[in-house]
N, C-alpha and C. Protein backbone atom coordinates (compact mmCIF):
# COMPACT_ATOMS: atom_id res chain seq x y z
N MET A 1 -91.42 -52.29 235.77
CA MET A 1 -91.72 -53.67 235.55
C MET A 1 -92.71 -54.22 236.63
N ALA A 2 -92.50 -53.72 237.86
CA ALA A 2 -93.32 -54.16 238.93
C ALA A 2 -94.82 -53.73 238.73
N GLN A 3 -94.93 -52.66 238.04
CA GLN A 3 -96.27 -52.11 237.75
C GLN A 3 -96.99 -53.02 236.75
N THR A 4 -96.27 -53.53 235.77
CA THR A 4 -96.89 -54.40 234.79
C THR A 4 -97.35 -55.68 235.38
N SER A 5 -96.45 -56.27 236.25
CA SER A 5 -96.85 -57.59 236.84
C SER A 5 -97.98 -57.41 237.85
N LEU A 6 -98.04 -56.23 238.48
CA LEU A 6 -99.14 -55.90 239.40
C LEU A 6 -100.46 -55.79 238.56
N GLU A 7 -100.36 -55.11 237.42
CA GLU A 7 -101.53 -54.96 236.57
C GLU A 7 -102.01 -56.28 236.07
N ASN A 8 -101.06 -57.16 235.61
CA ASN A 8 -101.43 -58.49 235.14
C ASN A 8 -102.10 -59.27 236.24
N PHE A 9 -101.54 -59.19 237.44
CA PHE A 9 -102.12 -59.97 238.55
C PHE A 9 -103.54 -59.48 238.93
N TRP A 10 -103.72 -58.14 238.91
CA TRP A 10 -105.00 -57.53 239.18
C TRP A 10 -106.00 -58.01 238.14
N HIS A 11 -105.55 -58.00 236.88
CA HIS A 11 -106.50 -58.40 235.73
C HIS A 11 -106.83 -59.90 235.95
N TRP A 12 -105.83 -60.73 236.23
CA TRP A 12 -106.11 -62.15 236.46
C TRP A 12 -107.07 -62.37 237.68
N LEU A 13 -106.94 -61.49 238.68
CA LEU A 13 -107.74 -61.68 239.91
C LEU A 13 -109.17 -61.22 239.71
N THR A 14 -109.41 -60.20 238.88
CA THR A 14 -110.66 -59.57 238.71
C THR A 14 -111.49 -60.09 237.48
N THR A 15 -110.85 -60.97 236.72
CA THR A 15 -111.67 -61.51 235.56
C THR A 15 -111.74 -63.01 235.66
N THR A 16 -112.77 -63.52 234.98
CA THR A 16 -112.96 -64.99 235.02
C THR A 16 -112.10 -65.61 233.86
N ARG A 17 -111.96 -66.85 233.87
CA ARG A 17 -111.26 -67.56 232.85
C ARG A 17 -111.93 -67.40 231.52
N TYR A 18 -113.26 -67.38 231.51
CA TYR A 18 -114.03 -67.19 230.31
C TYR A 18 -113.78 -65.82 229.70
N THR A 19 -113.72 -64.82 230.55
CA THR A 19 -113.49 -63.49 230.04
C THR A 19 -112.15 -63.38 229.47
N ARG A 20 -111.13 -63.97 230.07
CA ARG A 20 -109.75 -63.93 229.57
C ARG A 20 -109.75 -64.74 228.20
N LEU A 21 -110.53 -65.78 228.11
CA LEU A 21 -110.60 -66.54 226.79
C LEU A 21 -111.14 -65.68 225.71
N LEU A 22 -112.20 -64.95 226.12
CA LEU A 22 -112.90 -64.08 225.06
C LEU A 22 -111.94 -62.95 224.65
N GLU A 23 -111.19 -62.39 225.59
CA GLU A 23 -110.22 -61.39 225.27
C GLU A 23 -109.14 -61.86 224.29
N GLY A 24 -108.68 -63.10 224.50
CA GLY A 24 -107.72 -63.73 223.58
C GLY A 24 -108.30 -63.88 222.19
N ARG A 25 -109.57 -64.30 222.17
CA ARG A 25 -110.25 -64.50 220.88
C ARG A 25 -110.41 -63.20 220.16
N VAL A 26 -110.72 -62.17 220.87
CA VAL A 26 -110.94 -60.82 220.27
C VAL A 26 -109.56 -60.32 219.71
N GLU A 27 -108.49 -60.47 220.41
CA GLU A 27 -107.18 -60.15 219.93
C GLU A 27 -106.81 -60.90 218.65
N ARG A 28 -107.10 -62.20 218.65
CA ARG A 28 -106.79 -63.05 217.47
C ARG A 28 -107.60 -62.56 216.27
N LEU A 29 -108.88 -62.29 216.50
CA LEU A 29 -109.78 -61.92 215.41
C LEU A 29 -109.42 -60.52 214.89
N GLU A 30 -108.96 -59.59 215.77
CA GLU A 30 -108.56 -58.27 215.30
C GLU A 30 -107.38 -58.38 214.32
N THR A 31 -106.44 -59.29 214.70
CA THR A 31 -105.25 -59.50 213.83
C THR A 31 -105.67 -60.12 212.53
N GLU A 32 -106.54 -61.13 212.58
CA GLU A 32 -106.96 -61.81 211.39
C GLU A 32 -107.78 -60.86 210.43
N ASN A 33 -108.57 -60.05 211.03
CA ASN A 33 -109.31 -58.98 210.23
C ASN A 33 -108.39 -58.02 209.55
N ALA A 34 -107.28 -57.65 210.23
CA ALA A 34 -106.34 -56.73 209.60
C ALA A 34 -105.72 -57.46 208.40
N HIS A 35 -105.37 -58.71 208.56
CA HIS A 35 -104.77 -59.48 207.45
C HIS A 35 -105.72 -59.61 206.27
N LEU A 36 -106.96 -59.89 206.61
CA LEU A 36 -107.99 -60.08 205.56
C LEU A 36 -108.25 -58.73 204.86
N ARG A 37 -108.19 -57.62 205.59
CA ARG A 37 -108.40 -56.31 204.95
C ARG A 37 -107.25 -56.06 203.95
N ASN A 38 -106.00 -56.43 204.36
CA ASN A 38 -104.91 -56.19 203.43
C ASN A 38 -104.98 -57.08 202.23
N ALA A 39 -105.58 -58.31 202.39
CA ALA A 39 -105.74 -59.18 201.18
C ALA A 39 -106.78 -58.50 200.25
N ILE A 40 -107.75 -57.89 200.75
CA ILE A 40 -108.78 -57.22 199.95
C ILE A 40 -108.06 -56.00 199.24
N TYR A 41 -107.26 -55.21 200.00
CA TYR A 41 -106.61 -54.09 199.39
C TYR A 41 -105.67 -54.57 198.25
N ALA A 42 -105.07 -55.73 198.48
CA ALA A 42 -104.10 -56.28 197.45
C ALA A 42 -104.91 -56.57 196.14
N ARG A 43 -106.05 -57.09 196.26
CA ARG A 43 -106.89 -57.45 195.06
C ARG A 43 -107.30 -56.14 194.35
N ALA A 44 -107.41 -55.05 195.12
CA ALA A 44 -107.78 -53.76 194.52
C ALA A 44 -106.55 -53.01 193.99
N GLY A 45 -105.33 -53.57 194.22
CA GLY A 45 -104.13 -52.96 193.75
C GLY A 45 -103.56 -51.92 194.72
N ILE A 46 -104.00 -51.96 195.96
CA ILE A 46 -103.42 -51.07 196.98
C ILE A 46 -102.44 -51.81 197.83
N GLY A 47 -101.35 -51.15 198.12
CA GLY A 47 -100.33 -51.75 198.94
C GLY A 47 -100.80 -52.06 200.31
N PRO A 48 -100.10 -53.02 201.00
CA PRO A 48 -100.59 -53.38 202.36
C PRO A 48 -100.44 -52.29 203.37
N VAL A 49 -101.39 -52.22 204.30
CA VAL A 49 -101.41 -51.26 205.34
C VAL A 49 -100.72 -51.85 206.56
N PRO A 50 -99.67 -51.17 207.09
CA PRO A 50 -98.99 -51.81 208.19
C PRO A 50 -99.88 -52.02 209.38
N LEU A 51 -99.59 -53.13 210.07
CA LEU A 51 -100.43 -53.46 211.28
C LEU A 51 -99.86 -52.78 212.42
N GLY A 52 -100.47 -51.70 212.86
CA GLY A 52 -100.07 -51.04 214.06
C GLY A 52 -100.60 -51.65 215.29
N PRO A 53 -100.14 -51.24 216.44
CA PRO A 53 -100.67 -51.80 217.63
C PRO A 53 -102.11 -51.34 217.88
N ALA A 54 -102.96 -52.34 218.12
CA ALA A 54 -104.35 -52.00 218.35
C ALA A 54 -104.50 -51.39 219.75
N PRO A 55 -105.45 -50.50 219.95
CA PRO A 55 -105.62 -49.94 221.25
C PRO A 55 -106.03 -50.95 222.24
N ALA A 56 -105.32 -51.03 223.37
CA ALA A 56 -105.64 -52.03 224.42
C ALA A 56 -106.82 -51.62 225.15
N ALA A 57 -107.74 -52.62 225.36
CA ALA A 57 -108.91 -52.46 226.12
C ALA A 57 -108.65 -52.70 227.64
N GLY A 58 -108.57 -51.64 228.35
CA GLY A 58 -108.26 -51.81 229.81
C GLY A 58 -106.79 -52.19 230.02
N SER A 59 -106.53 -52.94 231.05
CA SER A 59 -105.16 -53.33 231.35
C SER A 59 -105.02 -54.83 231.08
N ALA A 60 -105.34 -55.22 229.92
CA ALA A 60 -105.27 -56.73 229.62
C ALA A 60 -103.89 -57.21 229.42
N GLY A 61 -102.90 -56.43 229.59
CA GLY A 61 -101.49 -56.88 229.39
C GLY A 61 -101.02 -56.49 228.03
N GLU A 62 -99.79 -56.92 227.66
CA GLU A 62 -99.19 -56.54 226.36
C GLU A 62 -99.70 -57.44 225.35
N ARG A 63 -99.84 -56.95 224.08
CA ARG A 63 -100.28 -57.72 222.98
C ARG A 63 -99.14 -58.51 222.42
N ARG A 64 -99.42 -59.79 221.97
CA ARG A 64 -98.35 -60.54 221.29
C ARG A 64 -98.31 -60.18 219.84
N GLU A 65 -97.18 -60.23 219.25
CA GLU A 65 -96.94 -60.01 217.82
C GLU A 65 -97.21 -61.28 217.10
N HIS A 66 -98.06 -61.21 216.12
CA HIS A 66 -98.35 -62.42 215.31
C HIS A 66 -97.48 -62.45 214.03
N PRO A 67 -97.09 -63.55 213.57
CA PRO A 67 -96.32 -63.62 212.30
C PRO A 67 -97.17 -63.17 211.18
N PRO A 68 -96.54 -62.50 210.21
CA PRO A 68 -97.25 -62.00 209.03
C PRO A 68 -97.87 -63.18 208.25
N ILE A 69 -98.99 -62.97 207.70
CA ILE A 69 -99.71 -64.02 206.91
C ILE A 69 -99.36 -63.70 205.47
N ARG A 70 -98.87 -64.62 204.65
CA ARG A 70 -98.63 -64.41 203.26
C ARG A 70 -99.92 -64.39 202.49
N ARG A 71 -100.16 -63.38 201.71
CA ARG A 71 -101.39 -63.27 200.96
C ARG A 71 -101.22 -64.07 199.68
N PRO A 72 -102.27 -64.82 199.34
CA PRO A 72 -102.26 -65.51 198.03
C PRO A 72 -102.51 -64.48 196.94
N ILE A 73 -101.95 -64.74 195.68
CA ILE A 73 -102.20 -63.83 194.63
C ILE A 73 -103.47 -64.25 193.94
N SER A 74 -104.11 -63.24 193.35
CA SER A 74 -105.38 -63.46 192.63
C SER A 74 -105.16 -64.23 191.30
N TRP A 75 -106.21 -64.73 190.74
CA TRP A 75 -106.14 -65.43 189.44
C TRP A 75 -105.70 -64.48 188.33
N SER A 76 -106.14 -63.27 188.46
CA SER A 76 -105.72 -62.30 187.37
C SER A 76 -104.22 -62.00 187.51
N GLN A 77 -103.61 -62.03 188.73
CA GLN A 77 -102.22 -61.80 188.89
C GLN A 77 -101.45 -63.06 188.40
N VAL A 78 -102.07 -64.27 188.60
CA VAL A 78 -101.42 -65.49 188.07
C VAL A 78 -101.34 -65.46 186.57
N LYS A 79 -102.49 -65.07 185.97
CA LYS A 79 -102.53 -64.99 184.44
C LYS A 79 -101.55 -64.00 183.99
N GLN A 80 -101.46 -62.82 184.61
CA GLN A 80 -100.54 -61.79 184.20
C GLN A 80 -99.09 -62.28 184.29
N LYS A 81 -98.72 -62.94 185.33
CA LYS A 81 -97.40 -63.50 185.55
C LYS A 81 -97.09 -64.49 184.47
N LEU A 82 -98.00 -65.44 184.19
CA LEU A 82 -97.78 -66.45 183.19
C LEU A 82 -97.58 -65.80 181.77
N GLU A 83 -98.39 -64.77 181.48
CA GLU A 83 -98.22 -64.08 180.14
C GLU A 83 -96.88 -63.36 180.06
N LEU A 84 -96.47 -62.78 181.23
CA LEU A 84 -95.20 -62.09 181.26
C LEU A 84 -94.04 -63.07 181.07
N ASP A 85 -94.14 -64.18 181.73
CA ASP A 85 -93.08 -65.22 181.60
C ASP A 85 -93.00 -65.70 180.14
N ALA A 86 -94.18 -65.97 179.56
CA ALA A 86 -94.24 -66.39 178.15
C ALA A 86 -93.63 -65.40 177.21
N THR A 87 -93.89 -64.12 177.43
CA THR A 87 -93.33 -63.04 176.61
C THR A 87 -91.84 -63.02 176.79
N HIS A 88 -91.29 -63.14 178.02
CA HIS A 88 -89.92 -63.16 178.21
C HIS A 88 -89.22 -64.38 177.51
N ARG A 89 -89.85 -65.51 177.58
CA ARG A 89 -89.27 -66.65 176.88
C ARG A 89 -89.25 -66.50 175.37
N GLN A 90 -90.35 -65.92 174.88
CA GLN A 90 -90.45 -65.71 173.41
C GLN A 90 -89.42 -64.64 172.99
N ASN A 91 -89.17 -63.59 173.76
CA ASN A 91 -88.10 -62.62 173.46
C ASN A 91 -86.75 -63.20 173.47
N ALA A 92 -86.49 -64.06 174.44
CA ALA A 92 -85.16 -64.73 174.60
C ALA A 92 -84.95 -65.66 173.41
N ALA A 93 -86.07 -66.41 172.96
CA ALA A 93 -85.91 -67.26 171.84
C ALA A 93 -85.63 -66.49 170.51
N ASP A 94 -86.30 -65.34 170.41
CA ASP A 94 -86.15 -64.49 169.20
C ASP A 94 -84.74 -63.99 169.11
N ARG A 95 -84.17 -63.52 170.25
CA ARG A 95 -82.85 -63.01 170.25
C ARG A 95 -81.80 -64.07 170.04
N GLY A 96 -82.09 -65.24 170.55
CA GLY A 96 -81.11 -66.31 170.37
C GLY A 96 -81.20 -66.87 168.95
N GLY A 97 -82.36 -66.90 168.30
CA GLY A 97 -82.47 -67.36 166.96
C GLY A 97 -81.96 -66.47 165.93
N SER A 98 -82.03 -65.11 166.14
CA SER A 98 -81.60 -64.14 165.09
C SER A 98 -80.07 -63.96 165.16
N SER A 99 -79.38 -64.30 166.21
CA SER A 99 -77.94 -64.12 166.25
C SER A 99 -77.19 -65.24 165.58
N SER A 100 -77.79 -66.40 165.30
CA SER A 100 -77.04 -67.49 164.62
C SER A 100 -77.12 -67.46 163.14
């Protein structure tokens, strides 16, 4: 644990505030890109790729875990869901009407 705090202190001492700001933005953009890539995969019908730890550049400290972003469904998936719901309702109505 002492090693990590020493590394963090050394990083803080040897970098400027602007550099630390840029490192934070790079980390955020890497996570955002991974989520966008999974959204593209979902549109293609491929399952989500798990977000593994990105390789740390230097001794910038530990990476924070970001909450998962919920992907919106595509219009074709919405249409398919609506058609499936309508089919289920029609089948339920047919079964209910034929039994009386």
